Amino acid sequence: MINVRREKISKRMKYLQDLVPGCNKITDKAGMLNEIINYVQSLQRQVEDSD
């Protein structure tokens, strides 16, 4: 059960890494999540600015 959960998390993390430019070069999870958050926030600002 735990391995299935870890596998799902791993797949989703890999998917996020593939979506965020430059994120695949970051090896630690905290750094990767921080980069993903920054990227999503920058996208959000771009959308808000285009309104």
PDB file of N, CA and C in Angstrom:
ATOM      1  N   MET A   1       0.829  -1.199   0.000  1.00  0.00           N
ATOM      2  CA  MET A   1       0.000   0.000   0.000  1.00  0.00           C
ATOM      3  C   MET A   1       0.872   1.263   0.000  1.00  0.00           C
ATOM      4  N   ILE A   2       1.881   1.273   0.862  1.00  0.00           N
ATOM      5  CA  ILE A   2       2.763   2.442   0.936  1.00  0.00           C
ATOM      6  C   ILE A   2       3.570   2.583  -0.352  1.00  0.00           C
ATOM      7  N   ASN A   3       4.021   1.457  -0.902  1.00  0.00           N
ATOM      8  CA  ASN A   3       4.786   1.513  -2.150  1.00  0.00           C
ATOM      9  C   ASN A   3       3.954   2.041  -3.304  1.00  0.00           C
ATOM     10  N   VAL A   4       2.677   1.682  -3.342  1.00  0.00           N
ATOM     11  CA  VAL A   4       1.781   2.179  -4.391  1.00  0.00           C
ATOM     12  C   VAL A   4       1.639   3.688  -4.265  1.00  0.00           C
ATOM     13  N   ARG A   5       1.495   4.157  -3.044  1.00  0.00           N
ATOM     14  CA  ARG A   5       1.359   5.595  -2.806  1.00  0.00           C
ATOM     15  C   ARG A   5       2.632   6.333  -3.219  1.00  0.00           C
ATOM     16  N   ARG A   6       3.779   5.784  -2.834  1.00  0.00           N
ATOM     17  CA  ARG A   6       5.052   6.413  -3.210  1.00  0.00           C
ATOM     18  C   ARG A   6       5.235   6.436  -4.721  1.00  0.00           C
ATOM     19  N   GLU A   7       4.811   5.355  -5.356  1.00  0.00           N
ATOM     20  CA  GLU A   7       4.915   5.280  -6.805  1.00  0.00           C
ATOM     21  C   GLU A   7       4.053   6.355  -7.469  1.00  0.00           C
ATOM     22  N   LYS A   8       2.835   6.555  -6.968  1.00  0.00           N
ATOM     23  CA  LYS A   8       1.950   7.593  -7.509  1.00  0.00           C
ATOM     24  C   LYS A   8       2.564   8.975  -7.318  1.00  0.00           C
ATOM     25  N   ILE A   9       3.112   9.200  -6.130  1.00  0.00           N
ATOM     26  CA  ILE A   9       3.739  10.494  -5.853  1.00  0.00           C
ATOM     27  C   ILE A   9       4.930  10.701  -6.774  1.00  0.00           C
ATOM     28  N   SER A  10       5.734   9.671  -6.952  1.00  0.00           N
ATOM     29  CA  SER A  10       6.901   9.751  -7.829  1.00  0.00           C
ATOM     30  C   SER A  10       6.506  10.085  -9.260  1.00  0.00           C
ATOM     31  N   LYS A  11       5.475   9.435  -9.753  1.00  0.00           N
ATOM     32  CA  LYS A  11       5.007   9.698 -11.114  1.00  0.00           C
ATOM     33  C   LYS A  11       4.523  11.134 -11.259  1.00  0.00           C
ATOM     34  N   ARG A  12       3.808  11.610 -10.267  1.00  0.00           N
ATOM     35  CA  ARG A  12       3.287  12.987 -10.330  1.00  0.00           C
ATOM     36  C   ARG A  12       4.409  14.012 -10.222  1.00  0.00           C
ATOM     37  N   MET A  13       5.407  13.715  -9.400  1.00  0.00           N
ATOM     38  CA  MET A  13       6.555  14.616  -9.289  1.00  0.00           C
ATOM     39  C   MET A  13       7.302  14.663 -10.622  1.00  0.00           C
ATOM     40  N   LYS A  14       7.466  13.517 -11.256  1.00  0.00           N
ATOM     41  CA  LYS A  14       8.138  13.456 -12.557  1.00  0.00           C
ATOM     42  C   LYS A  14       7.349  14.253 -13.595  1.00  0.00           C
ATOM     43  N   TYR A  15       6.028  14.131 -13.546  1.00  0.00           N
ATOM     44  CA  TYR A  15       5.174  14.881 -14.462  1.00  0.00           C
ATOM     45  C   TYR A  15       5.366  16.387 -14.258  1.00  0.00           C
ATOM     46  N   LEU A  16       5.386  16.825 -13.005  1.00  0.00           N
ATOM     47  CA  LEU A  16       5.603  18.244 -12.713  1.00  0.00           C
ATOM     48  C   LEU A  16       6.980  18.690 -13.184  1.00  0.00           C
ATOM     49  N   GLN A  17       7.992  17.848 -12.963  1.00  0.00           N
ATOM     50  CA  GLN A  17       9.342  18.181 -13.417  1.00  0.00           C
ATOM     51  C   GLN A  17       9.364  18.409 -14.924  1.00  0.00           C
ATOM     52  N   ASP A  18       8.636  17.583 -15.651  1.00  0.00           N
ATOM     53  CA  ASP A  18       8.607  17.712 -17.106  1.00  0.00           C
ATOM     54  C   ASP A  18       7.881  18.980 -17.551  1.00  0.00           C
ATOM     55  N   LEU A  19       6.931  19.452 -16.759  1.00  0.00           N
ATOM     56  CA  LEU A  19       6.162  20.646 -17.119  1.00  0.00           C
ATOM     57  C   LEU A  19       6.916  21.947 -16.856  1.00  0.00           C
ATOM     58  N   VAL A  20       7.726  21.963 -15.816  1.00  0.00           N
ATOM     59  CA  VAL A  20       8.380  23.198 -15.385  1.00  0.00           C
ATOM     60  C   VAL A  20       9.785  23.278 -15.987  1.00  0.00           C
ATOM     61  N   PRO A  21      10.059  24.320 -16.772  1.00  0.00           N
ATOM     62  CA  PRO A  21      11.376  24.458 -17.403  1.00  0.00           C
ATOM     63  C   PRO A  21      12.504  24.524 -16.372  1.00  0.00           C
ATOM     64  N   GLY A  22      13.550  23.745 -16.603  1.00  0.00           N
ATOM     65  CA  GLY A  22      14.719  23.759 -15.734  1.00  0.00           C
ATOM     66  C   GLY A  22      14.566  22.983 -14.448  1.00  0.00           C
ATOM     67  N   CYS A  23      13.394  22.481 -14.186  1.00  0.00           N
ATOM     68  CA  CYS A  23      13.124  21.793 -12.924  1.00  0.00           C
ATOM     69  C   CYS A  23      13.771  20.412 -12.874  1.00  0.00           C
ATOM     70  N   ASN A  24      14.004  19.812 -14.024  1.00  0.00           N
ATOM     71  CA  ASN A  24      14.578  18.473 -14.034  1.00  0.00           C
ATOM     72  C   ASN A  24      16.047  18.459 -13.611  1.00  0.00           C
ATOM     73  N   LYS A  25      16.656  19.636 -13.463  1.00  0.00           N
ATOM     74  CA  LYS A  25      18.047  19.718 -13.020  1.00  0.00           C
ATOM     75  C   LYS A  25      18.165  19.771 -11.504  1.00  0.00           C
ATOM     76  N   ILE A  26      17.046  19.986 -10.823  1.00  0.00           N
ATOM     77  CA  ILE A  26      17.040  20.087  -9.364  1.00  0.00           C
ATOM     78  C   ILE A  26      16.840  18.690  -8.788  1.00  0.00           C
ATOM     79  N   THR A  27      17.711  18.306  -7.854  1.00  0.00           N
ATOM     80  CA  THR A  27      17.661  16.931  -7.352  1.00  0.00           C
ATOM     81  C   THR A  27      16.876  16.777  -6.057  1.00  0.00           C
ATOM     82  N   ASP A  28      16.873  17.778  -5.192  1.00  0.00           N
ATOM     83  CA  ASP A  28      16.149  17.616  -3.923  1.00  0.00           C
ATOM     84  C   ASP A  28      14.685  18.025  -4.079  1.00  0.00           C
ATOM     85  N   LYS A  29      13.821  17.325  -3.379  1.00  0.00           N
ATOM     86  CA  LYS A  29      12.376  17.536  -3.531  1.00  0.00           C
ATOM     87  C   LYS A  29      11.941  18.923  -3.076  1.00  0.00           C
ATOM     88  N   ALA A  30      12.515  19.414  -1.990  1.00  0.00           N
ATOM     89  CA  ALA A  30      12.129  20.735  -1.493  1.00  0.00           C
ATOM     90  C   ALA A  30      12.476  21.810  -2.517  1.00  0.00           C
ATOM     91  N   GLY A  31      13.650  21.731  -3.089  1.00  0.00           N
ATOM     92  CA  GLY A  31      14.055  22.693  -4.105  1.00  0.00           C
ATOM     93  C   GLY A  31      13.199  22.605  -5.345  1.00  0.00           C
ATOM     94  N   MET A  32      12.864  21.381  -5.719  1.00  0.00           N
ATOM     95  CA  MET A  32      12.026  21.176  -6.892  1.00  0.00           C
ATOM     96  C   MET A  32      10.631  21.749  -6.663  1.00  0.00           C
ATOM     97  N   LEU A  33      10.046  21.468  -5.505  1.00  0.00           N
ATOM     98  CA  LEU A  33       8.714  22.000  -5.203  1.00  0.00           C
ATOM     99  C   LEU A  33       8.733  23.521  -5.143  1.00  0.00           C
ATOM    100  N   ASN A  34       9.796  24.082  -4.597  1.00  0.00           N
ATOM    101  CA  ASN A  34       9.931  25.537  -4.538  1.00  0.00           C
ATOM    102  C   ASN A  34       9.978  26.126  -5.947  1.00  0.00           C
ATOM    103  N   GLU A  35      10.715  25.494  -6.830  1.00  0.00           N
ATOM    104  CA  GLU A  35      10.803  25.955  -8.213  1.00  0.00           C
ATOM    105  C   GLU A  35       9.450  25.847  -8.919  1.00  0.00           C
ATOM    106  N   ILE A  36       8.727  24.774  -8.657  1.00  0.00           N
ATOM    107  CA  ILE A  36       7.399  24.590  -9.248  1.00  0.00           C
ATOM    108  C   ILE A  36       6.444  25.671  -8.757  1.00  0.00           C
ATOM    109  N   ILE A  37       6.481  25.956  -7.461  1.00  0.00           N
ATOM    110  CA  ILE A  37       5.626  27.005  -6.894  1.00  0.00           C
ATOM    111  C   ILE A  37       5.947  28.350  -7.528  1.00  0.00           C
ATOM    112  N   ASN A  38       7.231  28.671  -7.645  1.00  0.00           N
ATOM    113  CA  ASN A  38       7.630  29.937  -8.268  1.00  0.00           C
ATOM    114  C   ASN A  38       7.141  30.027  -9.711  1.00  0.00           C
ATOM    115  N   TYR A  39       7.246  28.928 -10.430  1.00  0.00           N
ATOM    116  CA  TYR A  39       6.811  28.899 -11.828  1.00  0.00           C
ATOM    117  C   TYR A  39       5.303  29.116 -11.939  1.00  0.00           C
ATOM    118  N   VAL A  40       4.547  28.427 -11.104  1.00  0.00           N
ATOM    119  CA  VAL A  40       3.087  28.569 -11.132  1.00  0.00           C
ATOM    120  C   VAL A  40       2.684  29.993 -10.750  1.00  0.00           C
ATOM    121  N   GLN A  41       3.369  30.569  -9.766  1.00  0.00           N
ATOM    122  CA  GLN A  41       3.070  31.947  -9.374  1.00  0.00           C
ATOM    123  C   GLN A  41       3.376  32.917 -10.509  1.00  0.00           C
ATOM    124  N   SER A  42       4.464  32.670 -11.240  1.00  0.00           N
ATOM    125  CA  SER A  42       4.781  33.557 -12.364  1.00  0.00           C
ATOM    126  C   SER A  42       3.733  33.427 -13.472  1.00  0.00           C
ATOM    127  N   LEU A  43       3.246  32.213 -13.701  1.00  0.00           N
ATOM    128  CA  LEU A  43       2.169  32.029 -14.679  1.00  0.00           C
ATOM    129  C   LEU A  43       0.904  32.749 -14.232  1.00  0.00           C
ATOM    130  N   GLN A  44       0.624  32.675 -12.946  1.00  0.00           N
ATOM    131  CA  GLN A  44      -0.562  33.338 -12.404  1.00  0.00           C
ATOM    132  C   GLN A  44      -0.466  34.850 -12.598  1.00  0.00           C
ATOM    133  N   ARG A  45       0.716  35.416 -12.338  1.00  0.00           N
ATOM    134  CA  ARG A  45       0.905  36.855 -12.533  1.00  0.00           C
ATOM    135  C   ARG A  45       0.724  37.236 -14.003  1.00  0.00           C
ATOM    136  N   GLN A  46       1.229  36.398 -14.905  1.00  0.00           N
ATOM    137  CA  GLN A  46       1.077  36.676 -16.335  1.00  0.00           C
ATOM    138  C   GLN A  46      -0.395  36.692 -16.738  1.00  0.00           C
ATOM    139  N   VAL A  47      -1.158  35.764 -16.204  1.00  0.00           N
ATOM    140  CA  VAL A  47      -2.590  35.704 -16.516  1.00  0.00           C
ATOM    141  C   VAL A  47      -3.296  36.928 -15.950  1.00  0.00           C
ATOM    142  N   GLU A  48      -2.954  37.299 -14.729  1.00  0.00           N
ATOM    143  CA  GLU A  48      -3.588  38.462 -14.102  1.00  0.00           C
ATOM    144  C   GLU A  48      -3.234  39.741 -14.845  1.00  0.00           C
ATOM    145  N   ASP A  49      -1.994  39.850 -15.322  1.00  0.00           N
ATOM    146  CA  ASP A  49      -1.561  41.045 -16.041  1.00  0.00           C
ATOM    147  C   ASP A  49      -2.212  41.164 -17.416  1.00  0.00           C
ATOM    148  N   SER A  50      -2.592  40.041 -17.988  1.00  0.00           N
ATOM    149  CA  SER A  50      -3.186  40.081 -19.327  1.00  0.00           C
ATOM    150  C   SER A  50      -4.667  40.436 -19.298  1.00  0.00           C
ATOM    151  N   ASP A  51      -5.250  40.483 -18.110  1.00  0.00           N
ATOM    152  CA  ASP A  51      -6.686  40.828 -17.993  1.00  0.00           C
ATOM    153  C   ASP A  51      -6.946  42.288 -18.195  1.00  0.00           C
TER     154      ASP A  51
END
